[in-house]
Amino acid sequence: MEKIETANVLTIRECGHDEYWLRDRIFDDPAQLGLGDLQALMKETNQAQGGRLDLLLKNHEDDSMFEVELQLGATDESHIIRTIEYWDNVKRKWPNRSHTAVLVAEEITNRFFNVVHLLGMAVPIIGVQVSIVQIGSVKGLHFTKVIDSYEEPEEEETPQVQYDESHWTKNNPGTLACARWYKKILEDLYGEISVKYFESYISLSVGGLARVWISRRKTDRAFVEVKHGLENFQEAVDHLNLGGLAFGTRSGKYFTFGVNVQQLTERGELHKWLAARLAPELLKKQINPA
């Protein structure tokens, strides 16, 4: 029988480190946050209204920015407020860019979830839980995204103007290529897939219900949103995290990805694993989602 080691979760201070150590680790490798292929711009940046922003990160694909506040221990009111204030400060400085507030803490408390719920869509905010995991004599820094308030527009129930494939071939061929890639893996699993083309996104339906949305992005990229069909959302989160796939979540029902076709292909098995769980009751008989 294979021997499985028991992992111990340790606090950062228990391991002899502090917040500055955590800041520098993230600055050296922002991708470990699980928010995409980000680059570090600044650390310990003084704010005009007072205080210092721990980290400022940027997505080089679309110039979107992430204002990161760090906290050891459990989230408290002062750090939550500070996260939102720093987000607002930087947003005012670069108003034409997309901005997301990020709070990284060792414990994301109910107070943080309540604040996010009250703010709704006013402040795009992400909560990332960080810990040090020890297995045997080896220790590793582990990040888990536990909340993401950002929402992409879904296909609305009100009538919308529909376009055809030629509109996307002309204006956003890279996004269209991503939609075709996802349509192919859905067809392999479920058979015929219904496609609707709108001005800013494409929807793919399984069993008569829209399950995947592909929104346009710059150059060859797309924003893919997948609605999974299993009750155990955390199981899928853990599986994708274990596979090292960068993703976002929304409302405990949706997974989101900022990708191009090459990235979809490189991580194809994980996307296929997730696609097989969109509507497991509709899978072809010869397909086993396990």
C-alpha atoms as a PDB file:
ATOM      1  CA  MET A   1       0.000   0.000   0.000  1.00  0.00           C
ATOM      2  CA  GLU A   2       1.266   3.447  -0.893  1.00  0.00           C
ATOM      3  CA  LYS A   3       2.341   5.429   2.147  1.00  0.00           C
ATOM      4  CA  ILE A   4       0.682   8.838   2.407  1.00  0.00           C
ATOM      5  CA  GLU A   5       2.381  11.326   4.719  1.00  0.00           C
ATOM      6  CA  THR A   6       0.335  13.518   7.039  1.00  0.00           C
ATOM      7  CA  ALA A   7       0.738  17.238   6.382  1.00  0.00           C
ATOM      8  CA  ASN A   8       0.980  19.741   9.221  1.00  0.00           C
ATOM      9  CA  VAL A   9      -0.192  23.319   8.738  1.00  0.00           C
ATOM     10  CA  LEU A  10       2.072  25.854  10.434  1.00  0.00           C
ATOM     11  CA  THR A  11       1.827  29.602  10.890  1.00  0.00           C
ATOM     12  CA  ILE A  12       4.415  31.821   9.273  1.00  0.00           C
ATOM     13  CA  ARG A  13       5.613  33.130  12.649  1.00  0.00           C
ATOM     14  CA  GLU A  14       5.989  29.560  13.969  1.00  0.00           C
ATOM     15  CA  CYS A  15       8.516  29.037  11.186  1.00  0.00           C
ATOM     16  CA  GLY A  16      10.503  32.115  12.200  1.00  0.00           C
ATOM     17  CA  HIS A  17       9.288  34.445   9.439  1.00  0.00           C
ATOM     18  CA  ASP A  18       7.355  37.714   9.318  1.00  0.00           C
ATOM     19  CA  GLU A  19       5.185  39.742   6.952  1.00  0.00           C
ATOM     20  CA  TYR A  20       8.209  41.218   5.152  1.00  0.00           C
ATOM     21  CA  TRP A  21       9.431  37.715   4.356  1.00  0.00           C
ATOM     22  CA  LEU A  22       6.022  36.851   2.890  1.00  0.00           C
ATOM     23  CA  ARG A  23       5.975  40.083   0.895  1.00  0.00           C
ATOM     24  CA  ASP A  24       9.378  39.338  -0.636  1.00  0.00           C
ATOM     25  CA  ARG A  25       8.426  35.751  -1.488  1.00  0.00           C
ATOM     26  CA  ILE A  26       5.364  36.919  -3.390  1.00  0.00           C
ATOM     27  CA  PHE A  27       7.273  39.784  -5.038  1.00  0.00           C
ATOM     28  CA  ASP A  28       9.831  37.298  -6.374  1.00  0.00           C
ATOM     29  CA  ASP A  29       7.146  34.946  -7.732  1.00  0.00           C
ATOM     30  CA  PRO A  30       3.640  36.527  -7.996  1.00  0.00           C
ATOM     31  CA  ALA A  31       2.281  33.545  -9.957  1.00  0.00           C
ATOM     32  CA  GLN A  32       2.163  31.463  -6.764  1.00  0.00           C
ATOM     33  CA  LEU A  33      -0.874  33.481  -5.650  1.00  0.00           C
ATOM     34  CA  GLY A  34      -2.892  31.608  -8.271  1.00  0.00           C
ATOM     35  CA  LEU A  35      -4.210  34.789  -9.905  1.00  0.00           C
ATOM     36  CA  GLY A  36      -2.536  34.267 -13.254  1.00  0.00           C
ATOM     37  CA  ASP A  37       0.809  35.128 -14.800  1.00  0.00           C
ATOM     38  CA  LEU A  38       1.349  38.389 -12.927  1.00  0.00           C
ATOM     39  CA  GLN A  39       4.447  40.549 -12.704  1.00  0.00           C
ATOM     40  CA  ALA A  40       5.546  42.517  -9.649  1.00  0.00           C
ATOM     41  CA  LEU A  41       5.654  46.298 -10.077  1.00  0.00           C
ATOM     42  CA  MET A  42       6.252  47.740  -6.616  1.00  0.00           C
ATOM     43  CA  LYS A  43       6.418  46.815  -2.934  1.00  0.00           C
ATOM     44  CA  GLU A  44       5.958  48.955   0.181  1.00  0.00           C
ATOM     45  CA  THR A  45       4.589  51.839  -1.893  1.00  0.00           C
ATOM     46  CA  ASN A  46       3.754  55.008   0.055  1.00  0.00           C
ATOM     47  CA  GLN A  47       0.198  56.232  -0.412  1.00  0.00           C
ATOM     48  CA  ALA A  48      -0.671  59.923  -0.690  1.00  0.00           C
ATOM     49  CA  GLN A  49      -3.421  59.528   1.922  1.00  0.00           C
ATOM     50  CA  GLY A  50      -1.108  57.665   4.289  1.00  0.00           C
ATOM     51  CA  GLY A  51       0.014  54.091   4.757  1.00  0.00           C
ATOM     52  CA  ARG A  52       1.925  51.756   2.469  1.00  0.00           C
ATOM     53  CA  LEU A  53       0.634  49.358  -0.132  1.00  0.00           C
ATOM     54  CA  ASP A  54       2.383  46.015   0.387  1.00  0.00           C
ATOM     55  CA  LEU A  55       2.458  44.910  -3.250  1.00  0.00           C
ATOM     56  CA  LEU A  56       1.336  46.193  -6.633  1.00  0.00           C
ATOM     57  CA  LEU A  57       1.081  43.508  -9.315  1.00  0.00           C
ATOM     58  CA  LYS A  58       0.127  43.684 -12.977  1.00  0.00           C
ATOM     59  CA  ASN A  59      -1.128  41.318 -15.652  1.00  0.00           C
ATOM     60  CA  HIS A  60       1.070  42.098 -18.649  1.00  0.00           C
ATOM     61  CA  GLU A  61      -1.564  40.775 -21.086  1.00  0.00           C
ATOM     62  CA  ASP A  62      -4.192  43.441 -20.412  1.00  0.00           C
ATOM     63  CA  ASP A  63      -2.448  45.832 -17.963  1.00  0.00           C
ATOM     64  CA  SER A  64      -4.959  44.992 -15.211  1.00  0.00           C
ATOM     65  CA  MET A  65      -3.576  45.732 -11.738  1.00  0.00           C
ATOM     66  CA  PHE A  66      -3.811  43.966  -8.372  1.00  0.00           C
ATOM     67  CA  GLU A  67      -3.416  45.912  -5.118  1.00  0.00           C
ATOM     68  CA  VAL A  68      -2.243  43.405  -2.497  1.00  0.00           C
ATOM     69  CA  GLU A  69      -2.440  43.808   1.283  1.00  0.00           C
ATOM     70  CA  LEU A  70      -0.782  41.179   3.516  1.00  0.00           C
ATOM     71  CA  GLN A  71      -1.731  40.085   7.017  1.00  0.00           C
ATOM     72  CA  LEU A  72      -0.377  37.388   9.312  1.00  0.00           C
ATOM     73  CA  GLY A  73      -3.066  35.743  11.388  1.00  0.00           C
ATOM     74  CA  ALA A  74      -6.798  36.286  10.897  1.00  0.00           C
ATOM     75  CA  THR A  75      -8.279  39.128   8.867  1.00  0.00           C
ATOM     76  CA  ASP A  76      -9.418  42.116  10.914  1.00  0.00           C
ATOM     77  CA  GLU A  77     -11.315  45.317  10.205  1.00  0.00           C
ATOM     78  CA  SER A  78      -8.261  47.550   9.802  1.00  0.00           C
ATOM     79  CA  HIS A  79      -6.659  45.365   7.136  1.00  0.00           C
ATOM     80  CA  ILE A  80      -9.950  44.943   5.273  1.00  0.00           C
ATOM     81  CA  ILE A  81     -10.440  48.720   5.193  1.00  0.00           C
ATOM     82  CA  ARG A  82      -6.824  49.266   4.217  1.00  0.00           C
ATOM     83  CA  THR A  83      -7.153  46.814   1.320  1.00  0.00           C
ATOM     84  CA  ILE A  84     -10.122  48.745  -0.063  1.00  0.00           C
ATOM     85  CA  GLU A  85      -8.497  52.160   0.506  1.00  0.00           C
ATOM     86  CA  TYR A  86      -5.300  51.185  -1.310  1.00  0.00           C
ATOM     87  CA  TRP A  87      -7.338  49.729  -4.174  1.00  0.00           C
ATOM     88  CA  ASP A  88      -9.209  53.030  -4.482  1.00  0.00           C
ATOM     89  CA  ASN A  89      -5.997  55.088  -4.319  1.00  0.00           C
ATOM     90  CA  VAL A  90      -4.299  53.199  -7.127  1.00  0.00           C
ATOM     91  CA  LYS A  91      -7.502  53.106  -9.180  1.00  0.00           C
ATOM     92  CA  ARG A  92      -7.633  56.910  -9.060  1.00  0.00           C
ATOM     93  CA  LYS A  93      -4.031  57.095 -10.245  1.00  0.00           C
ATOM     94  CA  TRP A  94      -4.629  54.760 -13.223  1.00  0.00           C
ATOM     95  CA  PRO A  95      -8.385  55.147 -13.886  1.00  0.00           C
ATOM     96  CA  ASN A  96      -8.333  53.530 -17.329  1.00  0.00           C
ATOM     97  CA  ARG A  97      -7.111  50.162 -16.077  1.00  0.00           C
ATOM     98  CA  SER A  98      -8.913  47.279 -14.408  1.00  0.00           C
ATOM     99  CA  HIS A  99      -8.109  47.046 -10.674  1.00  0.00           C
ATOM    100  CA  THR A 100      -8.656  44.259  -8.129  1.00  0.00           C
ATOM    101  CA  ALA A 101      -8.127  44.459  -4.380  1.00  0.00           C
ATOM    102  CA  VAL A 102      -6.408  41.400  -2.883  1.00  0.00           C
ATOM    103  CA  LEU A 103      -6.112  40.536   0.808  1.00  0.00           C
ATOM    104  CA  VAL A 104      -3.686  37.721   1.627  1.00  0.00           C
ATOM    105  CA  ALA A 105      -4.034  36.413   5.197  1.00  0.00           C
ATOM    106  CA  GLU A 106      -3.451  33.236   7.149  1.00  0.00           C
ATOM    107  CA  GLU A 107      -7.135  33.046   8.036  1.00  0.00           C
ATOM    108  CA  ILE A 108     -10.001  34.577   6.051  1.00  0.00           C
ATOM    109  CA  THR A 109     -12.734  35.212   8.635  1.00  0.00           C
ATOM    110  CA  ASN A 110     -16.502  35.578   8.304  1.00  0.00           C
ATOM    111  CA  ARG A 111     -16.102  39.348   8.728  1.00  0.00           C
ATOM    112  CA  PHE A 112     -14.263  39.494   5.397  1.00  0.00           C
ATOM    113  CA  PHE A 113     -16.989  37.465   3.664  1.00  0.00           C
ATOM    114  CA  ASN A 114     -19.624  39.802   5.126  1.00  0.00           C
ATOM    115  CA  VAL A 115     -17.812  42.891   3.857  1.00  0.00           C
ATOM    116  CA  VAL A 116     -17.474  41.397   0.381  1.00  0.00           C
ATOM    117  CA  HIS A 117     -21.187  40.568   0.379  1.00  0.00           C
ATOM    118  CA  LEU A 118     -22.123  44.123   1.399  1.00  0.00           C
ATOM    119  CA  LEU A 119     -19.884  45.717  -1.215  1.00  0.00           C
ATOM    120  CA  GLY A 120     -21.304  43.556  -3.966  1.00  0.00           C
ATOM    121  CA  MET A 121     -19.801  44.567  -7.297  1.00  0.00           C
ATOM    122  CA  ALA A 122     -18.636  47.989  -6.077  1.00  0.00           C
ATOM    123  CA  VAL A 123     -15.162  46.662  -5.251  1.00  0.00           C
ATOM    124  CA  PRO A 124     -13.677  43.651  -7.081  1.00  0.00           C
ATOM    125  CA  ILE A 125     -11.924  41.922  -4.178  1.00  0.00           C
ATOM    126  CA  ILE A 126     -10.154  38.590  -3.755  1.00  0.00           C
ATOM    127  CA  GLY A 127      -9.287  36.782  -0.522  1.00  0.00           C
ATOM    128  CA  VAL A 128      -6.284  34.436  -0.540  1.00  0.00           C
ATOM    129  CA  GLN A 129      -5.448  32.231   2.437  1.00  0.00           C
ATOM    130  CA  VAL A 130      -1.764  31.485   3.003  1.00  0.00           C
ATOM    131  CA  SER A 131      -0.057  28.902   5.186  1.00  0.00           C
ATOM    132  CA  ILE A 132       3.122  26.889   5.489  1.00  0.00           C
ATOM    133  CA  VAL A 133       2.549  23.171   5.012  1.00  0.00           C
ATOM    134  CA  GLN A 134       5.074  20.673   6.370  1.00  0.00           C
ATOM    135  CA  ILE A 135       5.317  17.093   5.118  1.00  0.00           C
ATOM    136  CA  GLY A 136       8.087  15.226   6.864  1.00  0.00           C
ATOM    137  CA  SER A 137      11.082  17.533   6.907  1.00  0.00           C
ATOM    138  CA  VAL A 138       9.942  19.547   3.891  1.00  0.00           C
ATOM    139  CA  LYS A 139       8.052  22.842   4.255  1.00  0.00           C
ATOM    140  CA  GLY A 140       6.179  24.641   1.504  1.00  0.00           C
ATOM    141  CA  LEU A 141       4.304  27.917   1.167  1.00  0.00           C
ATOM    142  CA  HIS A 142       0.690  27.265   0.134  1.00  0.00           C
ATOM    143  CA  PHE A 143      -1.869  29.757  -1.225  1.00  0.00           C
ATOM    144  CA  THR A 144      -5.593  29.061  -1.669  1.00  0.00           C
ATOM    145  CA  LYS A 145      -8.050  31.525  -3.173  1.00  0.00           C
ATOM    146  CA  VAL A 146     -11.177  31.330  -1.016  1.00  0.00           C
ATOM    147  CA  ILE A 147     -13.285  34.189  -2.362  1.00  0.00           C
ATOM    148  CA  ASP A 148     -13.440  36.185  -5.578  1.00  0.00           C
ATOM    149  CA  SER A 149     -16.179  38.807  -5.844  1.00  0.00           C
ATOM    150  CA  TYR A 150     -15.467  39.688  -9.482  1.00  0.00           C
ATOM    151  CA  GLU A 151     -18.270  38.699 -11.820  1.00  0.00           C
ATOM    152  CA  GLU A 152     -18.254  38.569 -15.578  1.00  0.00           C
ATOM    153  CA  PRO A 153     -21.587  39.300 -17.279  1.00  0.00           C
ATOM    154  CA  GLU A 154     -23.624  36.206 -17.978  1.00  0.00           C
ATOM    155  CA  GLU A 155     -26.058  35.587 -20.770  1.00  0.00           C
ATOM    156  CA  GLU A 156     -29.083  37.620 -19.700  1.00  0.00           C
ATOM    157  CA  GLU A 157     -32.667  36.497 -19.904  1.00  0.00           C
ATOM    158  CA  THR A 158     -33.659  39.705 -21.697  1.00  0.00           C
ATOM    159  CA  PRO A 159     -33.367  39.574 -25.488  1.00  0.00           C
ATOM    160  CA  GLN A 160     -29.987  40.504 -26.925  1.00  0.00           C
ATOM    161  CA  VAL A 161     -28.808  41.091 -30.449  1.00  0.00           C
ATOM    162  CA  GLN A 162     -27.218  37.924 -31.764  1.00  0.00           C
ATOM    163  CA  TYR A 163     -24.291  37.900 -34.175  1.00  0.00           C
ATOM    164  CA  ASP A 164     -22.795  35.174 -36.302  1.00  0.00           C
ATOM    165  CA  GLU A 165     -19.396  33.529 -36.406  1.00  0.00           C
ATOM    166  CA  SER A 166     -18.124  35.947 -39.059  1.00  0.00           C
ATOM    167  CA  HIS A 167     -18.396  38.828 -36.555  1.00  0.00           C
ATOM    168  CA  TRP A 168     -15.914  37.019 -34.290  1.00  0.00           C
ATOM    169  CA  THR A 169     -13.667  35.884 -37.148  1.00  0.00           C
ATOM    170  CA  LYS A 170     -13.267  39.521 -38.162  1.00  0.00           C
ATOM    171  CA  ASN A 171     -12.993  41.180 -34.748  1.00  0.00           C
ATOM    172  CA  ASN A 172     -11.770  38.617 -32.191  1.00  0.00           C
ATOM    173  CA  PRO A 173     -10.329  35.528 -33.892  1.00  0.00           C
ATOM    174  CA  GLY A 174      -8.270  34.594 -30.817  1.00  0.00           C
ATOM    175  CA  THR A 175     -11.334  34.525 -28.575  1.00  0.00           C
ATOM    176  CA  LEU A 176     -13.240  32.569 -31.229  1.00  0.00           C
ATOM    177  CA  ALA A 177     -10.428  29.997 -31.330  1.00  0.00           C
ATOM    178  CA  CYS A 178     -10.792  29.507 -27.549  1.00  0.00           C
ATOM    179  CA  ALA A 179     -14.550  29.035 -27.961  1.00  0.00           C
ATOM    180  CA  ARG A 180     -13.989  26.438 -30.675  1.00  0.00           C
ATOM    181  CA  TRP A 181     -11.484  24.619 -28.445  1.00  0.00           C
ATOM    182  CA  TYR A 182     -13.973  24.397 -25.578  1.00  0.00           C
ATOM    183  CA  LYS A 183     -16.808  23.450 -27.926  1.00  0.00           C
ATOM    184  CA  LYS A 184     -14.742  20.515 -29.201  1.00  0.00           C
ATOM    185  CA  ILE A 185     -14.088  19.038 -25.746  1.00  0.00           C
ATOM    186  CA  LEU A 186     -17.773  19.478 -24.855  1.00  0.00           C
ATOM    187  CA  GLU A 187     -18.830  17.710 -28.070  1.00  0.00           C
ATOM    188  CA  ASP A 188     -16.529  14.793 -27.249  1.00  0.00           C
ATOM    189  CA  LEU A 189     -18.284  14.455 -23.890  1.00  0.00           C
ATOM    190  CA  TYR A 190     -21.903  15.382 -24.616  1.00  0.00           C
ATOM    191  CA  GLY A 191     -22.509  15.281 -28.359  1.00  0.00           C
ATOM    192  CA  GLU A 192     -24.112  18.247 -30.128  1.00  0.00           C
ATOM    193  CA  ILE A 193     -23.390  21.619 -28.511  1.00  0.00           C
ATOM    194  CA  SER A 194     -25.502  24.723 -29.130  1.00  0.00           C
ATOM    195  CA  VAL A 195     -23.554  27.955 -29.773  1.00  0.00           C
ATOM    196  CA  LYS A 196     -24.815  31.542 -29.550  1.00  0.00           C
ATOM    197  CA  TYR A 197     -22.760  34.534 -30.657  1.00  0.00           C
ATOM    198  CA  PHE A 198     -23.257  37.905 -29.005  1.00  0.00           C
ATOM    199  CA  GLU A 199     -21.346  41.144 -29.362  1.00  0.00           C
ATOM    200  CA  SER A 200     -18.948  40.619 -26.449  1.00  0.00           C
ATOM    201  CA  TYR A 201     -19.200  36.910 -25.641  1.00  0.00           C
ATOM    202  CA  ILE A 202     -20.057  33.453 -26.939  1.00  0.00           C
ATOM    203  CA  SER A 203     -22.179  30.971 -24.991  1.00  0.00           C
ATOM    204  CA  LEU A 204     -22.028  27.182 -25.224  1.00  0.00           C
ATOM    205  CA  SER A 205     -25.039  25.139 -24.104  1.00  0.00           C
ATOM    206  CA  VAL A 206     -25.219  21.560 -22.858  1.00  0.00           C
ATOM    207  CA  GLY A 207     -28.639  19.949 -22.592  1.00  0.00           C
ATOM    208  CA  GLY A 208     -30.355  23.211 -23.527  1.00  0.00           C
ATOM    209  CA  LEU A 209     -28.694  25.260 -20.774  1.00  0.00           C
ATOM    210  CA  ALA A 210     -25.773  27.665 -21.166  1.00  0.00           C
ATOM    211  CA  ARG A 211     -22.829  26.184 -19.241  1.00  0.00           C
ATOM    212  CA  VAL A 212     -19.760  27.927 -20.696  1.00  0.00           C
ATOM    213  CA  TRP A 213     -19.237  31.587 -21.613  1.00  0.00           C
ATOM    214  CA  ILE A 214     -16.245  32.888 -23.579  1.00  0.00           C
ATOM    215  CA  SER A 215     -15.808  36.673 -23.405  1.00  0.00           C
ATOM    216  CA  ARG A 216     -13.557  38.673 -25.671  1.00  0.00           C
ATOM    217  CA  ARG A 217     -10.187  39.921 -24.519  1.00  0.00           C
ATOM    218  CA  LYS A 218      -7.269  41.671 -26.213  1.00  0.00           C
ATOM    219  CA  THR A 219      -5.029  39.980 -28.790  1.00  0.00           C
ATOM    220  CA  ASP A 220      -5.470  36.197 -28.796  1.00  0.00           C
ATOM    221  CA  ARG A 221      -6.931  35.824 -25.313  1.00  0.00           C
ATOM    222  CA  ALA A 222     -10.346  35.032 -23.872  1.00  0.00           C
ATOM    223  CA  PHE A 223     -12.081  35.042 -20.494  1.00  0.00           C
ATOM    224  CA  VAL A 224     -13.695  31.617 -20.052  1.00  0.00           C
ATOM    225  CA  GLU A 225     -16.375  31.036 -17.423  1.00  0.00           C
ATOM    226  CA  VAL A 226     -17.506  27.482 -16.658  1.00  0.00           C
ATOM    227  CA  LYS A 227     -20.517  26.531 -14.527  1.00  0.00           C
ATOM    228  CA  HIS A 228     -19.896  23.172 -12.899  1.00  0.00           C
ATOM    229  CA  GLY A 229     -22.674  20.706 -12.088  1.00  0.00           C
ATOM    230  CA  LEU A 230     -21.513  18.968  -8.908  1.00  0.00           C
ATOM    231  CA  GLU A 231     -22.619  19.674  -5.352  1.00  0.00           C
ATOM    232  CA  ASN A 232     -19.067  19.430  -3.995  1.00  0.00           C
ATOM    233  CA  PHE A 233     -17.548  22.644  -5.379  1.00  0.00           C
ATOM    234  CA  GLN A 234     -14.556  22.383  -3.042  1.00  0.00           C
ATOM    235  CA  GLU A 235     -13.602  19.023  -4.570  1.00  0.00           C
ATOM    236  CA  ALA A 236     -13.155  20.710  -7.942  1.00  0.00           C
ATOM    237  CA  VAL A 237     -11.262  23.638  -6.360  1.00  0.00           C
ATOM    238  CA  ASP A 238      -8.850  21.237  -4.673  1.00  0.00           C
ATOM    239  CA  HIS A 239      -8.350  19.215  -7.857  1.00  0.00           C
ATOM    240  CA  LEU A 240      -7.547  22.265  -9.985  1.00  0.00           C
ATOM    241  CA  ASN A 241      -5.274  23.694  -7.281  1.00  0.00           C
ATOM    242  CA  LEU A 242      -3.435  20.367  -7.052  1.00  0.00           C
ATOM    243  CA  GLY A 243      -2.969  20.433 -10.811  1.00  0.00           C
ATOM    244  CA  GLY A 244      -1.496  23.925 -10.647  1.00  0.00           C
ATOM    245  CA  LEU A 245      -4.141  25.503 -12.897  1.00  0.00           C
ATOM    246  CA  ALA A 246      -4.632  29.267 -12.450  1.00  0.00           C
ATOM    247  CA  PHE A 247      -8.336  30.031 -12.052  1.00  0.00           C
ATOM    248  CA  GLY A 248     -10.893  32.228 -10.365  1.00  0.00           C
ATOM    249  CA  THR A 249     -14.205  31.337  -8.723  1.00  0.00           C
ATOM    250  CA  ARG A 250     -17.547  33.044  -8.400  1.00  0.00           C
ATOM    251  CA  SER A 251     -20.609  32.386  -6.258  1.00  0.00           C
ATOM    252  CA  GLY A 252     -19.525  28.842  -5.435  1.00  0.00           C
ATOM    253  CA  LYS A 253     -20.720  27.716  -8.890  1.00  0.00           C
ATOM    254  CA  TYR A 254     -18.388  29.108 -11.524  1.00  0.00           C
ATOM    255  CA  PHE A 255     -14.740  28.720 -12.501  1.00  0.00           C
ATOM    256  CA  THR A 256     -13.064  31.467 -14.529  1.00  0.00           C
ATOM    257  CA  PHE A 257      -9.922  31.453 -16.659  1.00  0.00           C
ATOM    258  CA  GLY A 258      -7.979  34.119 -18.544  1.00  0.00           C
ATOM    259  CA  VAL A 259      -6.391  32.076 -21.344  1.00  0.00           C
ATOM    260  CA  ASN A 260      -5.380  31.659 -24.976  1.00  0.00           C
ATOM    261  CA  VAL A 261      -5.599  28.491 -27.071  1.00  0.00           C
ATOM    262  CA  GLN A 262      -2.036  27.454 -26.288  1.00  0.00           C
ATOM    263  CA  GLN A 263      -2.703  27.631 -22.535  1.00  0.00           C
ATOM    264  CA  LEU A 264      -5.949  25.682 -22.949  1.00  0.00           C
ATOM    265  CA  THR A 265      -4.110  22.998 -24.873  1.00  0.00           C
ATOM    266  CA  GLU A 266      -1.229  22.807 -22.394  1.00  0.00           C
ATOM    267  CA  ARG A 267      -3.643  22.263 -19.487  1.00  0.00           C
ATOM    268  CA  GLY A 268      -6.189  20.389 -21.562  1.00  0.00           C
ATOM    269  CA  GLU A 269      -6.593  17.422 -19.234  1.00  0.00           C
ATOM    270  CA  LEU A 270      -7.664  19.634 -16.318  1.00  0.00           C
ATOM    271  CA  HIS A 271     -10.160  21.517 -18.490  1.00  0.00           C
ATOM    272  CA  LYS A 272     -11.526  18.203 -19.764  1.00  0.00           C
ATOM    273  CA  TRP A 273     -11.810  16.945 -16.180  1.00  0.00           C
ATOM    274  CA  LEU A 274     -13.869  20.016 -15.294  1.00  0.00           C
ATOM    275  CA  ALA A 275     -15.958  19.837 -18.476  1.00  0.00           C
ATOM    276  CA  ALA A 276     -16.944  16.255 -17.622  1.00  0.00           C
ATOM    277  CA  ARG A 277     -18.529  17.636 -14.443  1.00  0.00           C
ATOM    278  CA  LEU A 278     -20.667  20.359 -16.033  1.00  0.00           C
ATOM    279  CA  ALA A 279     -23.628  18.040 -16.531  1.00  0.00           C
ATOM    280  CA  PRO A 280     -22.567  14.511 -15.522  1.00  0.00           C
ATOM    281  CA  GLU A 281     -26.098  13.205 -16.046  1.00  0.00           C
ATOM    282  CA  LEU A 282     -25.824  14.057 -19.760  1.00  0.00           C
ATOM    283  CA  LEU A 283     -22.468  12.421 -20.494  1.00  0.00           C
ATOM    284  CA  LYS A 284     -22.302   9.936 -23.324  1.00  0.00           C
ATOM    285  CA  LYS A 285     -22.616   6.380 -22.006  1.00  0.00           C
ATOM    286  CA  GLN A 286     -19.083   5.457 -23.082  1.00  0.00           C
ATOM    287  CA  ILE A 287     -17.573   8.380 -21.150  1.00  0.00           C
ATOM    288  CA  ASN A 288     -16.540   7.794 -17.560  1.00  0.00           C
ATOM    289  CA  PRO A 289     -16.019  11.116 -15.700  1.00  0.00           C
ATOM    290  CA  ALA A 290     -14.017   9.489 -12.896  1.00  0.00           C
END
